[in-house]
Amino acid sequence: MIEFEPLKIAELIGPLVAFVVGMGQIGMIGWGIAQMRRASEHRDQQHDENMTALRTLIERTALKGAE
């Protein structure tokens, strides 16, 4: 049976834990960037809808003023 000293186990587990934590951080950053991209696209869509509504309102107001 192989017996490991506590120090050797820590030497083996330490880099693995660091790798897992690092990959988790990379995943969270990637998820955050994807969320920001979706929010930006949604905001652009809302802006386009608002501008369309504003143009329609301006056209209706201009037509009433021309009569």
N, C-alpha and C. Protein backbone atom coordinates (compact mmCIF):
# COMPACT_ATOMS: atom_id res chain seq x y z
N MET A 1 0.84 -1.18 0.00
CA MET A 1 0.00 0.00 0.00
C MET A 1 0.89 1.24 0.00
N ILE A 2 0.51 2.19 -0.79
CA ILE A 2 1.27 3.43 -0.90
C ILE A 2 0.79 4.39 0.17
N GLU A 3 1.71 4.93 0.92
CA GLU A 3 1.36 5.92 1.93
C GLU A 3 1.92 7.27 1.50
N PHE A 4 1.07 8.29 1.56
CA PHE A 4 1.48 9.63 1.20
C PHE A 4 1.63 10.47 2.46
N GLU A 5 2.62 11.28 2.46
CA GLU A 5 2.78 12.23 3.55
C GLU A 5 1.84 13.39 3.29
N PRO A 6 1.33 14.05 4.34
CA PRO A 6 0.40 15.17 4.15
C PRO A 6 0.95 16.27 3.24
N LEU A 7 2.24 16.55 3.33
CA LEU A 7 2.82 17.60 2.51
C LEU A 7 2.76 17.22 1.03
N LYS A 8 3.03 15.97 0.73
CA LYS A 8 2.99 15.53 -0.67
C LYS A 8 1.57 15.59 -1.24
N ILE A 9 0.57 15.28 -0.44
CA ILE A 9 -0.82 15.37 -0.90
C ILE A 9 -1.16 16.82 -1.21
N ALA A 10 -0.74 17.74 -0.35
CA ALA A 10 -1.00 19.17 -0.59
C ALA A 10 -0.29 19.64 -1.85
N GLU A 11 0.90 19.12 -2.10
CA GLU A 11 1.63 19.50 -3.31
C GLU A 11 0.92 19.01 -4.57
N LEU A 12 0.23 17.89 -4.45
CA LEU A 12 -0.49 17.35 -5.60
C LEU A 12 -1.86 18.02 -5.78
N ILE A 13 -2.55 18.28 -4.68
CA ILE A 13 -3.91 18.83 -4.73
C ILE A 13 -3.90 20.33 -5.00
N GLY A 14 -2.90 21.04 -4.51
CA GLY A 14 -2.85 22.50 -4.64
C GLY A 14 -3.00 23.00 -6.07
N PRO A 15 -2.19 22.51 -6.99
CA PRO A 15 -2.33 22.96 -8.39
C PRO A 15 -3.69 22.60 -9.00
N LEU A 16 -4.24 21.46 -8.62
CA LEU A 16 -5.55 21.06 -9.13
C LEU A 16 -6.63 22.03 -8.64
N VAL A 17 -6.59 22.37 -7.38
CA VAL A 17 -7.56 23.33 -6.82
C VAL A 17 -7.40 24.69 -7.50
N ALA A 18 -6.16 25.13 -7.68
CA ALA A 18 -5.92 26.41 -8.35
C ALA A 18 -6.47 26.39 -9.78
N PHE A 19 -6.29 25.27 -10.47
CA PHE A 19 -6.80 25.15 -11.84
C PHE A 19 -8.33 25.22 -11.86
N VAL A 20 -8.98 24.49 -10.96
CA VAL A 20 -10.45 24.48 -10.92
C VAL A 20 -10.98 25.88 -10.60
N VAL A 21 -10.37 26.54 -9.63
CA VAL A 21 -10.81 27.89 -9.27
C VAL A 21 -10.60 28.85 -10.44
N GLY A 22 -9.46 28.75 -11.09
CA GLY A 22 -9.17 29.61 -12.24
C GLY A 22 -10.16 29.40 -13.38
N MET A 23 -10.48 28.14 -13.67
CA MET A 23 -11.44 27.86 -14.73
C MET A 23 -12.83 28.38 -14.36
N GLY A 24 -13.18 28.28 -13.08
CA GLY A 24 -14.45 28.83 -12.63
C GLY A 24 -14.51 30.34 -12.82
N GLN A 25 -13.42 31.01 -12.53
CA GLN A 25 -13.38 32.46 -12.71
C GLN A 25 -13.48 32.83 -14.18
N ILE A 26 -12.79 32.08 -15.03
CA ILE A 26 -12.86 32.34 -16.47
C ILE A 26 -14.29 32.13 -16.96
N GLY A 27 -14.94 31.09 -16.47
CA GLY A 27 -16.33 30.83 -16.87
C GLY A 27 -17.26 31.95 -16.44
N MET A 28 -17.07 32.45 -15.22
CA MET A 28 -17.92 33.54 -14.73
C MET A 28 -17.70 34.81 -15.53
N ILE A 29 -16.47 35.11 -15.89
CA ILE A 29 -16.19 36.30 -16.69
C ILE A 29 -16.82 36.16 -18.07
N GLY A 30 -16.69 34.98 -18.67
CA GLY A 30 -17.31 34.75 -19.98
C GLY A 30 -18.81 34.89 -19.93
N TRP A 31 -19.43 34.36 -18.88
CA TRP A 31 -20.88 34.48 -18.71
C TRP A 31 -21.28 35.94 -18.56
N GLY A 32 -20.51 36.70 -17.78
CA GLY A 32 -20.80 38.13 -17.59
C GLY A 32 -20.71 38.90 -18.90
N ILE A 33 -19.71 38.61 -19.70
CA ILE A 33 -19.57 39.28 -20.99
C ILE A 33 -20.73 38.94 -21.91
N ALA A 34 -21.16 37.68 -21.91
CA ALA A 34 -22.31 37.28 -22.73
C ALA A 34 -23.57 38.01 -22.27
N GLN A 35 -23.77 38.15 -20.96
CA GLN A 35 -24.93 38.87 -20.44
C GLN A 35 -24.88 40.33 -20.86
N MET A 36 -23.72 40.95 -20.82
CA MET A 36 -23.60 42.35 -21.24
C MET A 36 -23.91 42.50 -22.72
N ARG A 37 -23.49 41.53 -23.53
CA ARG A 37 -23.77 41.58 -24.97
C ARG A 37 -25.28 41.49 -25.22
N ARG A 38 -25.95 40.57 -24.50
CA ARG A 38 -27.41 40.44 -24.66
C ARG A 38 -28.13 41.71 -24.22
N ALA A 39 -27.68 42.30 -23.11
CA ALA A 39 -28.30 43.53 -22.63
C ALA A 39 -28.10 44.66 -23.63
N SER A 40 -26.95 44.72 -24.24
CA SER A 40 -26.68 45.76 -25.24
C SER A 40 -27.59 45.60 -26.46
N GLU A 41 -27.76 44.37 -26.91
CA GLU A 41 -28.64 44.12 -28.05
C GLU A 41 -30.08 44.49 -27.71
N HIS A 42 -30.51 44.15 -26.50
CA HIS A 42 -31.88 44.48 -26.07
C HIS A 42 -32.06 46.00 -25.99
N ARG A 43 -31.06 46.69 -25.46
CA ARG A 43 -31.12 48.15 -25.36
C ARG A 43 -31.18 48.79 -26.75
N ASP A 44 -30.41 48.26 -27.69
CA ASP A 44 -30.45 48.78 -29.06
C ASP A 44 -31.82 48.57 -29.69
N GLN A 45 -32.43 47.42 -29.44
CA GLN A 45 -33.77 47.14 -29.95
C GLN A 45 -34.79 48.11 -29.37
N GLN A 46 -34.70 48.36 -28.06
CA GLN A 46 -35.62 49.31 -27.43
C GLN A 46 -35.42 50.71 -28.00
N HIS A 47 -34.18 51.08 -28.24
CA HIS A 47 -33.90 52.40 -28.80
C HIS A 47 -34.52 52.53 -30.19
N ASP A 48 -34.38 51.51 -31.01
CA ASP A 48 -34.96 51.54 -32.35
C ASP A 48 -36.49 51.66 -32.29
N GLU A 49 -37.11 50.92 -31.37
CA GLU A 49 -38.57 51.00 -31.22
C GLU A 49 -38.99 52.39 -30.75
N ASN A 50 -38.25 52.96 -29.82
CA ASN A 50 -38.57 54.30 -29.34
C ASN A 50 -38.42 55.35 -30.44
N MET A 51 -37.37 55.21 -31.24
CA MET A 51 -37.17 56.18 -32.33
C MET A 51 -38.27 56.05 -33.38
N THR A 52 -38.72 54.83 -33.67
CA THR A 52 -39.81 54.63 -34.62
C THR A 52 -41.09 55.29 -34.09
N ALA A 53 -41.37 55.10 -32.80
CA ALA A 53 -42.57 55.71 -32.21
C ALA A 53 -42.46 57.24 -32.24
N LEU A 54 -41.27 57.76 -31.95
CA LEU A 54 -41.07 59.22 -31.98
C LEU A 54 -41.26 59.78 -33.38
N ARG A 55 -40.72 59.10 -34.39
CA ARG A 55 -40.89 59.57 -35.78
C ARG A 55 -42.36 59.56 -36.17
N THR A 56 -43.08 58.51 -35.78
CA THR A 56 -44.51 58.43 -36.08
C THR A 56 -45.26 59.59 -35.42
N LEU A 57 -44.94 59.88 -34.19
CA LEU A 57 -45.57 60.98 -33.48
C LEU A 57 -45.26 62.32 -34.14
N ILE A 58 -44.02 62.50 -34.55
CA ILE A 58 -43.64 63.75 -35.23
C ILE A 58 -44.39 63.88 -36.55
N GLU A 59 -44.49 62.79 -37.30
CA GLU A 59 -45.22 62.84 -38.58
C GLU A 59 -46.69 63.18 -38.37
N ARG A 60 -47.32 62.58 -37.40
CA ARG A 60 -48.74 62.87 -37.12
C ARG A 60 -48.92 64.33 -36.70
N THR A 61 -48.03 64.83 -35.88
CA THR A 61 -48.11 66.21 -35.41
C THR A 61 -47.88 67.17 -36.58
N ALA A 62 -46.95 66.84 -37.46
CA ALA A 62 -46.65 67.70 -38.61
C ALA A 62 -47.84 67.72 -39.57
N LEU A 63 -48.51 66.59 -39.75
CA LEU A 63 -49.66 66.54 -40.65
C LEU A 63 -50.82 67.35 -40.10
N LYS A 64 -51.03 67.32 -38.79
CA LYS A 64 -52.12 68.11 -38.18
C LYS A 64 -51.80 69.59 -38.28
N GLY A 65 -50.58 69.96 -38.16
CA GLY A 65 -50.20 71.38 -38.23
C GLY A 65 -50.27 71.92 -39.65
N ALA A 66 -50.16 71.05 -40.67
CA ALA A 66 -50.20 71.48 -42.06
C ALA A 66 -51.62 71.71 -42.55
N GLU A 67 -52.59 71.16 -41.84
CA GLU A 67 -53.99 71.27 -42.29
C GLU A 67 -54.58 72.62 -41.98
